[in-house]
All heavy atoms as atom14 arrays in JSON, in Angstrom:
{
  "sequence": "RFTISRDVAKNTVYLQMNSLKPEDTAVYYCNAQ",
  "atom14_mask": [
    [1, 1, 1, 1, 1, 1, 1, 1, 1, 1, 1, 0, 0, 0],
    [1, 1, 1, 1, 1, 1, 1, 1, 1, 1, 1, 0, 0, 0],
    [1, 1, 1, 1, 1, 1, 1, 0, 0, 0, 0, 0, 0, 0],
    [1, 1, 1, 1, 1, 1, 1, 1, 0, 0, 0, 0, 0, 0],
    [1, 1, 1, 1, 1, 1, 0, 0, 0, 0, 0, 0, 0, 0],
    [1, 1, 1, 1, 1, 1, 1, 1, 1, 1, 1, 0, 0, 0],
    [1, 1, 1, 1, 1, 1, 1, 1, 0, 0, 0, 0, 0, 0],
    [1, 1, 1, 1, 1, 1, 1, 0, 0, 0, 0, 0, 0, 0],
    [1, 1, 1, 1, 1, 0, 0, 0, 0, 0, 0, 0, 0, 0],
    [1, 1, 1, 1, 1, 1, 1, 1, 1, 0, 0, 0, 0, 0],
    [1, 1, 1, 1, 1, 1, 1, 1, 0, 0, 0, 0, 0, 0],
    [1, 1, 1, 1, 1, 1, 1, 0, 0, 0, 0, 0, 0, 0],
    [1, 1, 1, 1, 1, 1, 1, 0, 0, 0, 0, 0, 0, 0],
    [1, 1, 1, 1, 1, 1, 1, 1, 1, 1, 1, 1, 0, 0],
    [1, 1, 1, 1, 1, 1, 1, 1, 0, 0, 0, 0, 0, 0],
    [1, 1, 1, 1, 1, 1, 1, 1, 1, 0, 0, 0, 0, 0],
    [1, 1, 1, 1, 1, 1, 1, 1, 0, 0, 0, 0, 0, 0],
    [1, 1, 1, 1, 1, 1, 1, 1, 0, 0, 0, 0, 0, 0],
    [1, 1, 1, 1, 1, 1, 0, 0, 0, 0, 0, 0, 0, 0],
    [1, 1, 1, 1, 1, 1, 1, 1, 0, 0, 0, 0, 0, 0],
    [1, 1, 1, 1, 1, 1, 1, 1, 1, 0, 0, 0, 0, 0],
    [1, 1, 1, 1, 1, 1, 1, 0, 0, 0, 0, 0, 0, 0],
    [1, 1, 1, 1, 1, 1, 1, 1, 1, 0, 0, 0, 0, 0],
    [1, 1, 1, 1, 1, 1, 1, 1, 0, 0, 0, 0, 0, 0],
    [1, 1, 1, 1, 1, 1, 1, 0, 0, 0, 0, 0, 0, 0],
    [1, 1, 1, 1, 1, 0, 0, 0, 0, 0, 0, 0, 0, 0],
    [1, 1, 1, 1, 1, 1, 1, 0, 0, 0, 0, 0, 0, 0],
    [1, 1, 1, 1, 1, 1, 1, 1, 1, 1, 1, 1, 0, 0],
    [1, 1, 1, 1, 1, 1, 1, 1, 1, 1, 1, 1, 0, 0],
    [1, 1, 1, 1, 1, 1, 0, 0, 0, 0, 0, 0, 0, 0],
    [1, 1, 1, 1, 1, 1, 1, 1, 0, 0, 0, 0, 0, 0],
    [1, 1, 1, 1, 1, 0, 0, 0, 0, 0, 0, 0, 0, 0],
    [1, 1, 1, 1, 1, 1, 1, 1, 1, 0, 0, 0, 0, 0]
  ],
  "atom14_positions": [
    [[-9.34, -0.06, 2.09], [-9.63, 1.18, 1.37], [-9.77, 0.96, -0.14], [-10.62, 1.59, -0.77], [-8.53, 2.21, 1.62], [-8.37, 2.6, 3.07], [-7.43, 3.79, 3.22], [-6.09, 3.5, 2.7], [-5.48, 4.21, 1.76], [-6.08, 5.27, 1.23], [-4.27, 3.88, 1.36], [0.0, 0.0, 0.0], [0.0, 0.0, 0.0], [0.0, 0.0, 0.0]],
    [[-8.92, 0.11, -0.7], [-8.93, -0.14, -2.14], [-9.46, -1.54, -2.41], [-9.26, -2.47, -1.62], [-7.52, -0.05, -2.72], [-6.86, 1.3, -2.61], [-5.56, 1.47, -3.07], [-7.51, 2.4, -2.07], [-4.94, 2.7, -2.99], [-6.89, 3.63, -1.97], [-5.6, 3.78, -2.44], [0.0, 0.0, 0.0], [0.0, 0.0, 0.0], [0.0, 0.0, 0.0]],
    [[-10.11, -1.69, -3.56], [-10.62, -2.99, -3.97], [-10.37, -3.19, -5.45], [-10.79, -2.38, -6.28], [-12.13, -3.12, -3.7], [-12.4, -2.89, -2.32], [-12.61, -4.52, -4.07], [0.0, 0.0, 0.0], [0.0, 0.0, 0.0], [0.0, 0.0, 0.0], [0.0, 0.0, 0.0], [0.0, 0.0, 0.0], [0.0, 0.0, 0.0], [0.0, 0.0, 0.0]],
    [[-9.67, -4.28, -5.78], [-9.47, -4.64, -7.17], [-10.63, -5.54, -7.61], [-11.1, -6.38, -6.85], [-8.11, -5.32, -7.41], [-7.82, -5.47, -8.9], [-8.04, -6.66, -6.69], [-6.4, -5.91, -9.21], [0.0, 0.0, 0.0], [0.0, 0.0, 0.0], [0.0, 0.0, 0.0], [0.0, 0.0, 0.0], [0.0, 0.0, 0.0], [0.0, 0.0, 0.0]],
    [[-11.09, -5.35, -8.83], [-12.16, -6.16, -9.38], [-11.99, -6.25, -10.89], [-11.1, -5.62, -11.46], [-13.54, -5.58, -9.02], [-13.71, -4.29, -9.58], [0.0, 0.0, 0.0], [0.0, 0.0, 0.0], [0.0, 0.0, 0.0], [0.0, 0.0, 0.0], [0.0, 0.0, 0.0], [0.0, 0.0, 0.0], [0.0, 0.0, 0.0], [0.0, 0.0, 0.0]],
    [[-12.85, -7.03, -11.53], [-12.74, -7.18, -12.98], [-14.09, -7.42, -13.61], [-15.04, -7.87, -12.97], [-11.81, -8.35, -13.32], [-12.38, -9.71, -12.93], [-11.42, -10.84, -13.23], [-12.01, -12.14, -12.9], [-11.38, -13.3, -12.98], [-10.11, -13.33, -13.38], [-12.0, -14.41, -12.65], [0.0, 0.0, 0.0], [0.0, 0.0, 0.0], [0.0, 0.0, 0.0]],
    [[-14.16, -7.11, -14.89], [-15.3, -7.45, -15.73], [-14.72, -8.22, -16.9], [-14.16, -7.63, -17.83], [-16.04, -6.19, -16.19], [-17.32, -6.51, -16.93], [-17.41, -7.56, -17.59], [-18.26, -5.68, -16.86], [0.0, 0.0, 0.0], [0.0, 0.0, 0.0], [0.0, 0.0, 0.0], [0.0, 0.0, 0.0], [0.0, 0.0, 0.0], [0.0, 0.0, 0.0]],
    [[-14.83, -9.54, -16.85], [-14.22, -10.39, -17.86], [-14.79, -10.11, -19.25], [-14.06, -10.07, -20.24], [-14.39, -11.88, -17.49], [-13.89, -12.78, -18.61], [-13.66, -12.19, -16.2], [0.0, 0.0, 0.0], [0.0, 0.0, 0.0], [0.0, 0.0, 0.0], [0.0, 0.0, 0.0], [0.0, 0.0, 0.0], [0.0, 0.0, 0.0], [0.0, 0.0, 0.0]],
    [[-16.09, -9.89, -19.33], [-16.73, -9.63, -20.61], [-16.2, -8.37, -21.27], [-16.17, -8.27, -22.5], [-18.24, -9.55, -20.44], [0.0, 0.0, 0.0], [0.0, 0.0, 0.0], [0.0, 0.0, 0.0], [0.0, 0.0, 0.0], [0.0, 0.0, 0.0], [0.0, 0.0, 0.0], [0.0, 0.0, 0.0], [0.0, 0.0, 0.0], [0.0, 0.0, 0.0]],
    [[-15.8, -7.4, -20.46], [-15.27, -6.14, -20.98], [-13.74, -6.11, -21.02], [-13.16, -5.09, -21.41], [-15.78, -4.97, -20.14], [-17.28, -4.76, -20.23], [-17.71, -3.56, -19.4], [-19.2, -3.32, -19.52], [-19.64, -2.16, -18.71], [0.0, 0.0, 0.0], [0.0, 0.0, 0.0], [0.0, 0.0, 0.0], [0.0, 0.0, 0.0], [0.0, 0.0, 0.0]],
    [[-13.11, -7.19, -20.61], [-11.65, -7.26, -20.56], [-11.06, -6.09, -19.79], [-10.06, -5.48, -20.19], [-11.05, -7.33, -21.97], [-11.33, -8.65, -22.65], [-11.24, -9.71, -22.03], [-11.68, -8.6, -23.93], [0.0, 0.0, 0.0], [0.0, 0.0, 0.0], [0.0, 0.0, 0.0], [0.0, 0.0, 0.0], [0.0, 0.0, 0.0], [0.0, 0.0, 0.0]],
    [[-11.65, -5.8, -18.66], [-11.29, -4.62, -17.89], [-11.09, -4.97, -16.42], [-11.89, -5.73, -15.85], [-12.36, -3.52, -18.02], [-12.5, -3.17, -19.4], [-11.96, -2.28, -17.24], [0.0, 0.0, 0.0], [0.0, 0.0, 0.0], [0.0, 0.0, 0.0], [0.0, 0.0, 0.0], [0.0, 0.0, 0.0], [0.0, 0.0, 0.0], [0.0, 0.0, 0.0]],
    [[-10.04, -4.42, -15.84], [-9.76, -4.53, -14.42], [-9.91, -3.16, -13.79], [-9.51, -2.15, -14.39], [-8.36, -5.1, -14.17], [-8.01, -5.08, -12.69], [-8.27, -6.52, -14.7], [0.0, 0.0, 0.0], [0.0, 0.0, 0.0], [0.0, 0.0, 0.0], [0.0, 0.0, 0.0], [0.0, 0.0, 0.0], [0.0, 0.0, 0.0], [0.0, 0.0, 0.0]],
    [[-10.47, -3.12, -12.6], [-10.74, -1.87, -11.92], [-10.0, -1.8, -10.59], [-9.64, -2.82, -9.99], [-12.24, -1.71, -11.64], [-13.11, -1.8, -12.85], [-13.72, -2.99, -13.22], [-13.34, -0.68, -13.65], [-14.53, -3.07, -14.33], [-14.14, -0.75, -14.78], [-14.74, -1.95, -15.11], [-15.54, -2.02, -16.22], [0.0, 0.0, 0.0], [0.0, 0.0, 0.0]],
    [[-9.78, -0.59, -10.14], [-9.3, -0.35, -8.79], [-10.17, 0.73, -8.17], [-10.07, 1.9, -8.54], [-7.83, 0.07, -8.76], [-7.23, 0.25, -7.37], [-7.12, -1.1, -6.66], [-5.87, 0.92, -7.44], [0.0, 0.0, 0.0], [0.0, 0.0, 0.0], [0.0, 0.0, 0.0], [0.0, 0.0, 0.0], [0.0, 0.0, 0.0], [0.0, 0.0, 0.0]],
    [[-11.04, 0.33, -7.25], [-11.85, 1.28, -6.51], [-11.04, 1.79, -5.34], [-10.58, 1.0, -4.51], [-13.14, 0.63, -6.02], [-14.04, 1.56, -5.22], [-14.61, 2.69, -6.05], [-15.1, 2.47, -7.15], [-14.52, 3.91, -5.54], [0.0, 0.0, 0.0], [0.0, 0.0, 0.0], [0.0, 0.0, 0.0], [0.0, 0.0, 0.0], [0.0, 0.0, 0.0]],
    [[-10.85, 3.09, -5.28], [-10.0, 3.72, -4.28], [-10.86, 4.63, -3.41], [-11.38, 5.64, -3.89], [-8.88, 4.52, -4.93], [-8.1, 3.72, -5.98], [-7.02, 4.76, -7.0], [-5.81, 5.26, -5.8], [0.0, 0.0, 0.0], [0.0, 0.0, 0.0], [0.0, 0.0, 0.0], [0.0, 0.0, 0.0], [0.0, 0.0, 0.0], [0.0, 0.0, 0.0]],
    [[-11.01, 4.27, -2.15], [-11.78, 5.05, -1.2], [-10.88, 5.56, -0.09], [-9.78, 5.06, 0.11], [-12.91, 4.21, -0.6], [-13.9, 3.72, -1.62], [-14.2, 4.4, -2.6], [-14.43, 2.52, -1.4], [0.0, 0.0, 0.0], [0.0, 0.0, 0.0], [0.0, 0.0, 0.0], [0.0, 0.0, 0.0], [0.0, 0.0, 0.0], [0.0, 0.0, 0.0]],
    [[-11.37, 6.55, 0.65], [-10.64, 7.12, 1.78], [-9.21, 7.49, 1.39], [-8.24, 7.16, 2.08], [-10.63, 6.14, 2.96], [-11.95, 5.83, 3.36], [0.0, 0.0, 0.0], [0.0, 0.0, 0.0], [0.0, 0.0, 0.0], [0.0, 0.0, 0.0], [0.0, 0.0, 0.0], [0.0, 0.0, 0.0], [0.0, 0.0, 0.0], [0.0, 0.0, 0.0]],
    [[-9.08, 8.16, 0.28], [-7.76, 8.48, -0.26], [-7.0, 9.43, 0.65], [-7.57, 10.33, 1.28], [-7.89, 9.07, -1.65], [-8.19, 8.04, -2.74], [-8.76, 8.71, -3.98], [-6.91, 7.28, -3.1], [0.0, 0.0, 0.0], [0.0, 0.0, 0.0], [0.0, 0.0, 0.0], [0.0, 0.0, 0.0], [0.0, 0.0, 0.0], [0.0, 0.0, 0.0]],
    [[-5.69, 9.21, 0.71], [-4.79, 9.99, 1.53], [-3.75, 10.66, 0.64], [-3.46, 10.18, -0.45], [-4.07, 9.09, 2.54], [-5.0, 8.28, 3.43], [-4.21, 7.31, 4.29], [-5.12, 6.47, 5.16], [-4.35, 5.5, 5.98], [0.0, 0.0, 0.0], [0.0, 0.0, 0.0], [0.0, 0.0, 0.0], [0.0, 0.0, 0.0], [0.0, 0.0, 0.0]],
    [[-3.14, 11.76, 1.11], [-2.09, 12.39, 0.31], [-0.97, 11.44, -0.08], [-0.41, 11.57, -1.18], [-1.59, 13.51, 1.22], [-2.78, 13.87, 2.05], [-3.48, 12.56, 2.29], [0.0, 0.0, 0.0], [0.0, 0.0, 0.0], [0.0, 0.0, 0.0], [0.0, 0.0, 0.0], [0.0, 0.0, 0.0], [0.0, 0.0, 0.0], [0.0, 0.0, 0.0]],
    [[-0.65, 10.49, 0.78], [0.41, 9.54, 0.48], [0.05, 8.54, -0.61], [0.89, 7.76, -1.06], [0.86, 8.79, 1.75], [-0.28, 8.17, 2.53], [-0.72, 9.04, 3.7], [-0.86, 10.27, 3.51], [-0.92, 8.49, 4.81], [0.0, 0.0, 0.0], [0.0, 0.0, 0.0], [0.0, 0.0, 0.0], [0.0, 0.0, 0.0], [0.0, 0.0, 0.0]],
    [[-1.21, 8.55, -1.05], [-1.62, 7.73, -2.19], [-1.27, 8.39, -3.52], [-1.43, 7.77, -4.57], [-3.12, 7.46, -2.15], [-3.54, 6.62, -0.95], [-2.82, 5.65, -0.62], [-4.6, 6.94, -0.36], [0.0, 0.0, 0.0], [0.0, 0.0, 0.0], [0.0, 0.0, 0.0], [0.0, 0.0, 0.0], [0.0, 0.0, 0.0], [0.0, 0.0, 0.0]],
    [[-0.81, 9.63, -3.47], [-0.45, 10.34, -4.69], [0.67, 9.62, -5.42], [1.73, 9.36, -4.85], [-0.02, 11.78, -4.37], [-1.13, 12.49, -3.81], [0.44, 12.51, -5.62], [0.0, 0.0, 0.0], [0.0, 0.0, 0.0], [0.0, 0.0, 0.0], [0.0, 0.0, 0.0], [0.0, 0.0, 0.0], [0.0, 0.0, 0.0], [0.0, 0.0, 0.0]],
    [[0.43, 9.28, -6.68], [1.4, 8.52, -7.46], [0.86, 8.35, -8.88], [-0.31, 8.64, -9.15], [1.64, 7.14, -6.84], [0.0, 0.0, 0.0], [0.0, 0.0, 0.0], [0.0, 0.0, 0.0], [0.0, 0.0, 0.0], [0.0, 0.0, 0.0], [0.0, 0.0, 0.0], [0.0, 0.0, 0.0], [0.0, 0.0, 0.0], [0.0, 0.0, 0.0]],
    [[1.71, 7.86, -9.75], [1.26, 7.36, -11.03], [0.89, 5.89, -10.84], [1.7, 5.11, -10.33], [2.33, 7.5, -12.13], [1.84, 6.9, -13.45], [2.69, 8.97, -12.32], [0.0, 0.0, 0.0], [0.0, 0.0, 0.0], [0.0, 0.0, 0.0], [0.0, 0.0, 0.0], [0.0, 0.0, 0.0], [0.0, 0.0, 0.0], [0.0, 0.0, 0.0]],
    [[-0.3, 5.54, -11.24], [-0.79, 4.18, -11.09], [-0.71, 3.45, -12.42], [-1.19, 3.95, -13.44], [-2.23, 4.18, -10.56], [-2.3, 4.49, -9.09], [-2.03, 5.78, -8.62], [-2.63, 3.51, -8.16], [-2.07, 6.06, -7.27], [-2.67, 3.79, -6.8], [-2.39, 5.07, -6.37], [-2.44, 5.35, -5.02], [0.0, 0.0, 0.0], [0.0, 0.0, 0.0]],
    [[-0.12, 2.26, -12.4], [0.12, 1.48, -13.6], [-0.64, 0.16, -13.55], [-0.63, -0.53, -12.53], [1.61, 1.16, -13.76], [2.49, 2.36, -13.97], [3.11, 2.99, -12.9], [2.7, 2.86, -15.25], [3.92, 4.1, -13.09], [3.51, 3.96, -15.45], [4.12, 4.57, -14.37], [4.93, 5.66, -14.57], [0.0, 0.0, 0.0], [0.0, 0.0, 0.0]],
    [[-1.25, -0.19, -14.66], [-1.85, -1.5, -14.82], [-0.8, -2.49, -15.26], [0.07, -2.16, -16.08], [-2.99, -1.42, -15.84], [-3.9, -2.96, -16.06], [0.0, 0.0, 0.0], [0.0, 0.0, 0.0], [0.0, 0.0, 0.0], [0.0, 0.0, 0.0], [0.0, 0.0, 0.0], [0.0, 0.0, 0.0], [0.0, 0.0, 0.0], [0.0, 0.0, 0.0]],
    [[-0.88, -3.7, -14.75], [0.08, -4.76, -15.05], [-0.64, -6.04, -15.43], [-1.68, -6.37, -14.85], [0.97, -5.0, -13.82], [1.79, -6.28, -13.93], [1.38, -7.33, -13.44], [2.94, -6.18, -14.56], [0.0, 0.0, 0.0], [0.0, 0.0, 0.0], [0.0, 0.0, 0.0], [0.0, 0.0, 0.0], [0.0, 0.0, 0.0], [0.0, 0.0, 0.0]],
    [[-0.08, -6.76, -16.38], [-0.57, -8.08, -16.75], [0.61, -9.02, -16.89], [1.58, -8.7, -17.58], [-1.37, -8.03, -18.05], [0.0, 0.0, 0.0], [0.0, 0.0, 0.0], [0.0, 0.0, 0.0], [0.0, 0.0, 0.0], [0.0, 0.0, 0.0], [0.0, 0.0, 0.0], [0.0, 0.0, 0.0], [0.0, 0.0, 0.0], [0.0, 0.0, 0.0]],
    [[0.53, -10.16, -16.24], [1.6, -11.14, -16.23], [1.16, -12.39, -16.98], [0.11, -12.95, -16.69], [1.97, -11.48, -14.79], [3.2, -12.34, -14.65], [3.57, -12.54, -13.19], [2.91, -13.3, -12.48], [4.61, -11.85, -12.74], [0.0, 0.0, 0.0], [0.0, 0.0, 0.0], [0.0, 0.0, 0.0], [0.0, 0.0, 0.0], [0.0, 0.0, 0.0]]
  ]
}
C-alpha cells in the first residue's frame, strides 16, 4: 500500500500512501539516522 522513495537532487524523501485505512490515522514523522 505504501511506497517510500527519494529525490536525491531535491534532498527529499517521499511516502506514497494508497488504499488508506482508518487505522492509518496518526502523526507521521520523518526520520534521518
